[in-house]
Amino acid sequence: MTKRLFQFVTICLLLIAGSQGIVAQTKKAAAVATTAIGATDWSKEVVESTIKRYPTAESLKGWGYAKSLYLYGQYLVYLRTKEVRYLQHLKDWTDLHIDEKGTINRPITALDYMLPANLCLILYKETKQEKYKLCADNVRRVFDTYPRTKDGGFWHANIKSREYQLWADGVFMGMPFLVRYGKMFGDSKYTDAEAVKQMLVYYKNLNDPATGLLWHA
């Protein structure tokens, strides 16, 4: 393993494994910011303005990475503020898309559709309702049969126009969920190994040797 590749994998693993520390860092940063600029808590302002524009689960619309990534950030604000509306807003959106058996109301045909399952992990932790674990289990099982390139990388999407394609953001779409799932449900032997494998494969295929940066696809 080259020095540059080792550094890349190490940084990615630290980002995934250190996700739990984000809450404490966010709380500290918010306290510093509030002291510096007065009473305005900008993370709360963002959440409040978003809920005002999208007050219902229906207004946030479909199961996708953009909405769920935002809602993950909203959850971090909930952890700091304990404002239950923030958690309920997240829960309402998730409940709109899964049934009591944890079945999602759309097929998981792309890595993009795996990222929202992070919310199921959050909600199972917060509520212990079985449907959230079942949802996470369902997404975890998708990885078992999800199509791969010849060297083992997950296709960005399981559709004709994306066959054999690796997109750099695919690692972010799927691997944080996979590692968190493994940690929560005792599957880390597989999930950690898979996450490392994917980062190595993606780096090998998308690395620009002239700069050390990754091509998007």
C-alpha atoms as a PDB file:
ATOM      1  CA  MET A   1       0.000   0.000   0.000  1.00  0.00           C
ATOM      2  CA  THR A   2       1.452   3.360  -1.011  1.00  0.00           C
ATOM      3  CA  LYS A   3       1.857   6.151   1.523  1.00  0.00           C
ATOM      4  CA  ARG A   4      -0.774   8.265  -0.248  1.00  0.00           C
ATOM      5  CA  LEU A   5      -3.265   5.391  -0.349  1.00  0.00           C
ATOM      6  CA  PHE A   6      -2.622   4.611   3.317  1.00  0.00           C
ATOM      7  CA  GLN A   7      -3.325   8.231   4.216  1.00  0.00           C
ATOM      8  CA  PHE A   8      -6.539   8.221   2.170  1.00  0.00           C
ATOM      9  CA  VAL A   9      -7.905   5.051   3.782  1.00  0.00           C
ATOM     10  CA  THR A  10      -6.900   6.199   7.265  1.00  0.00           C
ATOM     11  CA  ILE A  11      -8.697   9.521   6.853  1.00  0.00           C
ATOM     12  CA  CYS A  12     -11.849   7.827   5.527  1.00  0.00           C
ATOM     13  CA  LEU A  13     -11.927   5.349   8.407  1.00  0.00           C
ATOM     14  CA  LEU A  14     -11.441   8.108  10.943  1.00  0.00           C
ATOM     15  CA  LEU A  15     -14.322  10.049   9.409  1.00  0.00           C
ATOM     16  CA  ILE A  16     -16.626   7.022   9.585  1.00  0.00           C
ATOM     17  CA  ALA A  17     -15.550   5.744  12.995  1.00  0.00           C
ATOM     18  CA  GLY A  18     -15.491   9.232  14.454  1.00  0.00           C
ATOM     19  CA  SER A  19     -19.048  10.105  13.485  1.00  0.00           C
ATOM     20  CA  GLN A  20     -20.189   9.687  17.089  1.00  0.00           C
ATOM     21  CA  GLY A  21     -17.810  12.451  18.113  1.00  0.00           C
ATOM     22  CA  ILE A  22     -19.522  14.918  15.797  1.00  0.00           C
ATOM     23  CA  VAL A  23     -22.236  15.569  18.375  1.00  0.00           C
ATOM     24  CA  ALA A  24     -19.797  16.725  21.057  1.00  0.00           C
ATOM     25  CA  GLN A  25     -17.835  18.808  18.570  1.00  0.00           C
ATOM     26  CA  THR A  26     -21.035  20.385  17.234  1.00  0.00           C
ATOM     27  CA  LYS A  27     -22.167  21.305  20.740  1.00  0.00           C
ATOM     28  CA  LYS A  28     -18.817  22.902  21.558  1.00  0.00           C
ATOM     29  CA  ALA A  29     -18.677  24.782  18.255  1.00  0.00           C
ATOM     30  CA  ALA A  30     -22.221  26.074  18.693  1.00  0.00           C
ATOM     31  CA  ALA A  31     -21.423  27.327  22.188  1.00  0.00           C
ATOM     32  CA  VAL A  32     -18.359  29.173  20.909  1.00  0.00           C
ATOM     33  CA  ALA A  33     -20.317  30.640  17.991  1.00  0.00           C
ATOM     34  CA  THR A  34     -23.147  31.785  20.243  1.00  0.00           C
ATOM     35  CA  THR A  35     -20.702  33.493  22.580  1.00  0.00           C
ATOM     36  CA  ALA A  36     -18.974  35.171  19.653  1.00  0.00           C
ATOM     37  CA  ILE A  37     -22.013  36.514  17.824  1.00  0.00           C
ATOM     38  CA  GLY A  38     -24.613  36.915  20.530  1.00  0.00           C
ATOM     39  CA  ALA A  39     -27.811  34.960  21.037  1.00  0.00           C
ATOM     40  CA  THR A  40     -28.251  33.616  17.490  1.00  0.00           C
ATOM     41  CA  ASP A  41     -27.892  29.850  17.211  1.00  0.00           C
ATOM     42  CA  TRP A  42     -27.458  29.429  13.472  1.00  0.00           C
ATOM     43  CA  SER A  43     -27.898  25.656  13.417  1.00  0.00           C
ATOM     44  CA  LYS A  44     -31.291  26.085  15.082  1.00  0.00           C
ATOM     45  CA  GLU A  45     -32.145  28.877  12.665  1.00  0.00           C
ATOM     46  CA  VAL A  46     -31.426  26.583   9.719  1.00  0.00           C
ATOM     47  CA  VAL A  47     -33.593  23.824  11.193  1.00  0.00           C
ATOM     48  CA  GLU A  48     -36.431  26.180  12.072  1.00  0.00           C
ATOM     49  CA  SER A  49     -36.445  27.791   8.633  1.00  0.00           C
ATOM     50  CA  THR A  50     -36.381  24.373   6.960  1.00  0.00           C
ATOM     51  CA  ILE A  51     -39.283  23.069   9.042  1.00  0.00           C
ATOM     52  CA  LYS A  52     -41.198  26.240   8.219  1.00  0.00           C
ATOM     53  CA  ARG A  53     -40.693  25.628   4.491  1.00  0.00           C
ATOM     54  CA  TYR A  54     -41.236  21.855   4.733  1.00  0.00           C
ATOM     55  CA  PRO A  55     -43.560  21.370   7.714  1.00  0.00           C
ATOM     56  CA  THR A  56     -44.819  17.898   6.800  1.00  0.00           C
ATOM     57  CA  ALA A  57     -43.280  14.618   5.744  1.00  0.00           C
ATOM     58  CA  GLU A  58     -45.157  14.891   2.461  1.00  0.00           C
ATOM     59  CA  SER A  59     -43.598  18.272   1.700  1.00  0.00           C
ATOM     60  CA  LEU A  60     -40.106  16.762   2.034  1.00  0.00           C
ATOM     61  CA  LYS A  61     -41.191  14.157  -0.527  1.00  0.00           C
ATOM     62  CA  GLY A  62     -39.325  11.039  -1.640  1.00  0.00           C
ATOM     63  CA  TRP A  63     -36.812   8.685  -0.051  1.00  0.00           C
ATOM     64  CA  GLY A  64     -33.458  10.098  -1.119  1.00  0.00           C
ATOM     65  CA  TYR A  65     -30.003  11.058   0.037  1.00  0.00           C
ATOM     66  CA  ALA A  66     -30.354  14.865  -0.029  1.00  0.00           C
ATOM     67  CA  LYS A  67     -33.318  15.029   2.363  1.00  0.00           C
ATOM     68  CA  SER A  68     -31.973  12.318   4.658  1.00  0.00           C
ATOM     69  CA  LEU A  69     -28.508  13.858   4.883  1.00  0.00           C
ATOM     70  CA  TYR A  70     -30.112  17.118   5.953  1.00  0.00           C
ATOM     71  CA  LEU A  71     -32.287  15.266   8.487  1.00  0.00           C
ATOM     72  CA  TYR A  72     -29.204  13.584   9.931  1.00  0.00           C
ATOM     73  CA  GLY A  73     -27.845  17.066  10.576  1.00  0.00           C
ATOM     74  CA  GLN A  74     -31.176  18.044  12.114  1.00  0.00           C
ATOM     75  CA  TYR A  75     -30.814  15.070  14.459  1.00  0.00           C
ATOM     76  CA  LEU A  76     -27.446  16.402  15.626  1.00  0.00           C
ATOM     77  CA  VAL A  77     -29.150  19.690  16.481  1.00  0.00           C
ATOM     78  CA  TYR A  78     -31.842  17.728  18.354  1.00  0.00           C
ATOM     79  CA  LEU A  79     -29.176  15.964  20.422  1.00  0.00           C
ATOM     80  CA  ARG A  80     -27.770  19.319  21.458  1.00  0.00           C
ATOM     81  CA  THR A  81     -31.015  21.196  22.047  1.00  0.00           C
ATOM     82  CA  LYS A  82     -33.423  18.372  23.040  1.00  0.00           C
ATOM     83  CA  GLU A  83     -36.108  20.081  20.957  1.00  0.00           C
ATOM     84  CA  VAL A  84     -38.471  17.136  20.368  1.00  0.00           C
ATOM     85  CA  ARG A  85     -40.017  18.720  17.259  1.00  0.00           C
ATOM     86  CA  TYR A  86     -36.740  18.160  15.431  1.00  0.00           C
ATOM     87  CA  LEU A  87     -36.777  14.433  16.150  1.00  0.00           C
ATOM     88  CA  GLN A  88     -40.493  14.142  15.363  1.00  0.00           C
ATOM     89  CA  HIS A  89     -40.008  15.850  12.000  1.00  0.00           C
ATOM     90  CA  LEU A  90     -37.316  13.303  11.132  1.00  0.00           C
ATOM     91  CA  LYS A  91     -39.485  10.428  12.368  1.00  0.00           C
ATOM     92  CA  ASP A  92     -42.522  11.571  10.391  1.00  0.00           C
ATOM     93  CA  TRP A  93     -40.532  11.609   7.149  1.00  0.00           C
ATOM     94  CA  THR A  94     -39.076   8.158   7.780  1.00  0.00           C
ATOM     95  CA  ASP A  95     -42.483   6.740   8.734  1.00  0.00           C
ATOM     96  CA  LEU A  96     -43.928   8.043   5.473  1.00  0.00           C
ATOM     97  CA  HIS A  97     -41.591   5.737   3.566  1.00  0.00           C
ATOM     98  CA  ILE A  98     -41.483   2.503   5.590  1.00  0.00           C
ATOM     99  CA  ASP A  99     -44.178   0.143   6.842  1.00  0.00           C
ATOM    100  CA  GLU A 100     -44.367  -1.887  10.053  1.00  0.00           C
ATOM    101  CA  LYS A 101     -42.230  -4.623   8.488  1.00  0.00           C
ATOM    102  CA  GLY A 102     -39.497  -2.131   7.653  1.00  0.00           C
ATOM    103  CA  THR A 103     -40.198  -2.302   3.927  1.00  0.00           C
ATOM    104  CA  ILE A 104     -39.231   0.880   2.090  1.00  0.00           C
ATOM    105  CA  ASN A 105     -41.720   2.227  -0.442  1.00  0.00           C
ATOM    106  CA  ARG A 106     -39.203   2.215  -3.270  1.00  0.00           C
ATOM    107  CA  PRO A 107     -36.654  -0.349  -4.490  1.00  0.00           C
ATOM    108  CA  ILE A 108     -33.042   0.133  -3.389  1.00  0.00           C
ATOM    109  CA  THR A 109     -31.554   0.276  -6.874  1.00  0.00           C
ATOM    110  CA  ALA A 110     -28.691   2.671  -6.134  1.00  0.00           C
ATOM    111  CA  LEU A 111     -26.211   3.475  -3.386  1.00  0.00           C
ATOM    112  CA  ASP A 112     -27.983   6.841  -3.105  1.00  0.00           C
ATOM    113  CA  TYR A 113     -31.012   5.080  -1.616  1.00  0.00           C
ATOM    114  CA  MET A 114     -28.963   3.450   1.131  1.00  0.00           C
ATOM    115  CA  LEU A 115     -27.950   6.682   2.850  1.00  0.00           C
ATOM    116  CA  PRO A 116     -31.466   7.351   4.263  1.00  0.00           C
ATOM    117  CA  ALA A 117     -31.229   4.092   6.224  1.00  0.00           C
ATOM    118  CA  ASN A 118     -28.975   5.963   8.669  1.00  0.00           C
ATOM    119  CA  LEU A 119     -32.213   7.502   9.943  1.00  0.00           C
ATOM    120  CA  CYS A 120     -33.574   4.035  10.705  1.00  0.00           C
ATOM    121  CA  LEU A 121     -30.533   3.385  12.887  1.00  0.00           C
ATOM    122  CA  ILE A 122     -31.127   6.687  14.671  1.00  0.00           C
ATOM    123  CA  LEU A 123     -34.805   5.983  15.234  1.00  0.00           C
ATOM    124  CA  TYR A 124     -34.211   2.445  16.464  1.00  0.00           C
ATOM    125  CA  LYS A 125     -31.730   3.827  18.976  1.00  0.00           C
ATOM    126  CA  GLU A 126     -34.199   6.502  20.089  1.00  0.00           C
ATOM    127  CA  THR A 127     -37.446   4.498  20.103  1.00  0.00           C
ATOM    128  CA  LYS A 128     -36.548   0.779  20.024  1.00  0.00           C
ATOM    129  CA  GLN A 129     -39.421   0.272  17.577  1.00  0.00           C
ATOM    130  CA  GLU A 130     -38.794  -2.932  15.676  1.00  0.00           C
ATOM    131  CA  LYS A 131     -39.749  -1.548  12.271  1.00  0.00           C
ATOM    132  CA  TYR A 132     -36.653   0.647  12.236  1.00  0.00           C
ATOM    133  CA  LYS A 133     -34.364  -2.303  12.883  1.00  0.00           C
ATOM    134  CA  LEU A 134     -36.202  -4.285  10.207  1.00  0.00           C
ATOM    135  CA  CYS A 135     -35.676  -1.427   7.767  1.00  0.00           C
ATOM    136  CA  ALA A 136     -31.959  -1.333   8.563  1.00  0.00           C
ATOM    137  CA  ASP A 137     -31.804  -5.137   8.215  1.00  0.00           C
ATOM    138  CA  ASN A 138     -33.454  -4.916   4.799  1.00  0.00           C
ATOM    139  CA  VAL A 139     -30.929  -2.371   3.542  1.00  0.00           C
ATOM    140  CA  ARG A 140     -28.046  -4.359   5.010  1.00  0.00           C
ATOM    141  CA  ARG A 141     -29.178  -7.436   3.048  1.00  0.00           C
ATOM    142  CA  VAL A 142     -29.165  -5.478  -0.210  1.00  0.00           C
ATOM    143  CA  PHE A 143     -25.365  -5.419  -0.017  1.00  0.00           C
ATOM    144  CA  ASP A 144     -25.259  -9.230  -0.161  1.00  0.00           C
ATOM    145  CA  THR A 145     -26.493  -9.335  -3.756  1.00  0.00           C
ATOM    146  CA  TYR A 146     -25.738  -5.806  -4.952  1.00  0.00           C
ATOM    147  CA  PRO A 147     -23.830  -5.854  -8.292  1.00  0.00           C
ATOM    148  CA  ARG A 148     -20.086  -5.276  -8.289  1.00  0.00           C
ATOM    149  CA  THR A 149     -17.290  -4.546 -10.706  1.00  0.00           C
ATOM    150  CA  LYS A 150     -14.801  -7.329 -11.420  1.00  0.00           C
ATOM    151  CA  ASP A 151     -12.555  -6.076  -8.617  1.00  0.00           C
ATOM    152  CA  GLY A 152     -15.429  -5.946  -6.129  1.00  0.00           C
ATOM    153  CA  GLY A 153     -16.562  -2.315  -6.181  1.00  0.00           C
ATOM    154  CA  PHE A 154     -20.276  -1.615  -5.826  1.00  0.00           C
ATOM    155  CA  TRP A 155     -21.888  -0.154  -8.939  1.00  0.00           C
ATOM    156  CA  HIS A 156     -23.241   3.319  -8.324  1.00  0.00           C
ATOM    157  CA  ALA A 157     -26.674   2.125  -9.403  1.00  0.00           C
ATOM    158  CA  ASN A 158     -28.198  -1.170 -10.434  1.00  0.00           C
ATOM    159  CA  ILE A 159     -29.633   0.137 -13.693  1.00  0.00           C
ATOM    160  CA  LYS A 160     -28.550  -0.241 -17.324  1.00  0.00           C
ATOM    161  CA  SER A 161     -27.080   3.262 -17.640  1.00  0.00           C
ATOM    162  CA  ARG A 162     -24.871   2.792 -14.538  1.00  0.00           C
ATOM    163  CA  GLU A 163     -23.537  -0.723 -15.086  1.00  0.00           C
ATOM    164  CA  TYR A 164     -19.945  -1.177 -13.819  1.00  0.00           C
ATOM    165  CA  GLN A 165     -19.680   2.509 -12.897  1.00  0.00           C
ATOM    166  CA  LEU A 166     -17.955   3.689  -9.715  1.00  0.00           C
ATOM    167  CA  TRP A 167     -18.796   7.183  -8.476  1.00  0.00           C
ATOM    168  CA  ALA A 168     -16.679   8.575  -5.651  1.00  0.00           C
ATOM    169  CA  ASP A 169     -19.710   9.690  -3.643  1.00  0.00           C
ATOM    170  CA  GLY A 170     -20.949   6.098  -3.636  1.00  0.00           C
ATOM    171  CA  VAL A 171     -18.585   5.366  -0.743  1.00  0.00           C
ATOM    172  CA  PHE A 172     -20.282   8.079   1.297  1.00  0.00           C
ATOM    173  CA  MET A 173     -23.759   6.932   0.283  1.00  0.00           C
ATOM    174  CA  GLY A 174     -23.328   3.384   1.526  1.00  0.00           C
ATOM    175  CA  MET A 175     -20.354   2.817   3.796  1.00  0.00           C
ATOM    176  CA  PRO A 176     -21.218   5.034   6.808  1.00  0.00           C
ATOM    177  CA  PHE A 177     -24.554   3.222   7.118  1.00  0.00           C
ATOM    178  CA  LEU A 178     -22.864  -0.151   6.767  1.00  0.00           C
ATOM    179  CA  VAL A 179     -20.247   0.567   9.453  1.00  0.00           C
ATOM    180  CA  ARG A 180     -22.830   2.043  11.837  1.00  0.00           C
ATOM    181  CA  TYR A 181     -25.092  -0.956  11.288  1.00  0.00           C
ATOM    182  CA  GLY A 182     -22.238  -3.326  12.046  1.00  0.00           C
ATOM    183  CA  LYS A 183     -21.368  -1.500  15.242  1.00  0.00           C
ATOM    184  CA  MET A 184     -24.990  -1.413  16.420  1.00  0.00           C
ATOM    185  CA  PHE A 185     -25.899  -5.023  15.612  1.00  0.00           C
ATOM    186  CA  GLY A 186     -22.645  -6.954  15.979  1.00  0.00           C
ATOM    187  CA  ASP A 187     -21.842  -7.297  12.275  1.00  0.00           C
ATOM    188  CA  SER A 188     -18.600  -5.306  12.308  1.00  0.00           C
ATOM    189  CA  LYS A 189     -16.394  -8.152  11.097  1.00  0.00           C
ATOM    190  CA  TYR A 190     -18.085  -7.976   7.707  1.00  0.00           C
ATOM    191  CA  THR A 191     -19.098  -4.320   7.585  1.00  0.00           C
ATOM    192  CA  ASP A 192     -15.688  -2.889   8.497  1.00  0.00           C
ATOM    193  CA  ALA A 193     -13.907  -5.194   6.054  1.00  0.00           C
ATOM    194  CA  GLU A 194     -16.361  -4.303   3.288  1.00  0.00           C
ATOM    195  CA  ALA A 195     -15.971  -0.568   3.909  1.00  0.00           C
ATOM    196  CA  VAL A 196     -12.179  -0.823   3.691  1.00  0.00           C
ATOM    197  CA  LYS A 197     -12.418  -2.932   0.537  1.00  0.00           C
ATOM    198  CA  GLN A 198     -14.718  -0.424  -1.148  1.00  0.00           C
ATOM    199  CA  MET A 199     -12.446   2.513  -0.326  1.00  0.00           C
ATOM    200  CA  LEU A 200      -9.433   0.673  -1.719  1.00  0.00           C
ATOM    201  CA  VAL A 201     -11.243  -0.293  -4.927  1.00  0.00           C
ATOM    202  CA  TYR A 202     -12.664   3.182  -5.436  1.00  0.00           C
ATOM    203  CA  TYR A 203      -9.292   4.796  -4.787  1.00  0.00           C
ATOM    204  CA  LYS A 204      -7.531   2.460  -7.215  1.00  0.00           C
ATOM    205  CA  ASN A 205      -9.971   3.205 -10.023  1.00  0.00           C
ATOM    206  CA  LEU A 206     -10.736   6.894  -9.450  1.00  0.00           C
ATOM    207  CA  ASN A 207      -7.405   8.272  -8.244  1.00  0.00           C
ATOM    208  CA  ASP A 208      -5.775  10.896 -10.448  1.00  0.00           C
ATOM    209  CA  PRO A 209      -2.059  10.061 -10.062  1.00  0.00           C
ATOM    210  CA  ALA A 210      -1.066  13.580 -11.053  1.00  0.00           C
ATOM    211  CA  THR A 211      -2.876  15.209  -8.126  1.00  0.00           C
ATOM    212  CA  GLY A 212      -3.830  12.447  -5.694  1.00  0.00           C
ATOM    213  CA  LEU A 213      -7.431  13.619  -5.920  1.00  0.00           C
ATOM    214  CA  LEU A 214     -10.344  11.431  -6.966  1.00  0.00           C
ATOM    215  CA  TRP A 215     -12.340  11.729 -10.144  1.00  0.00           C
ATOM    216  CA  HIS A 216     -16.065  11.864  -9.438  1.00  0.00           C
ATOM    217  CA  ALA A 217     -16.680   8.945 -11.790  1.00  0.00           C
END
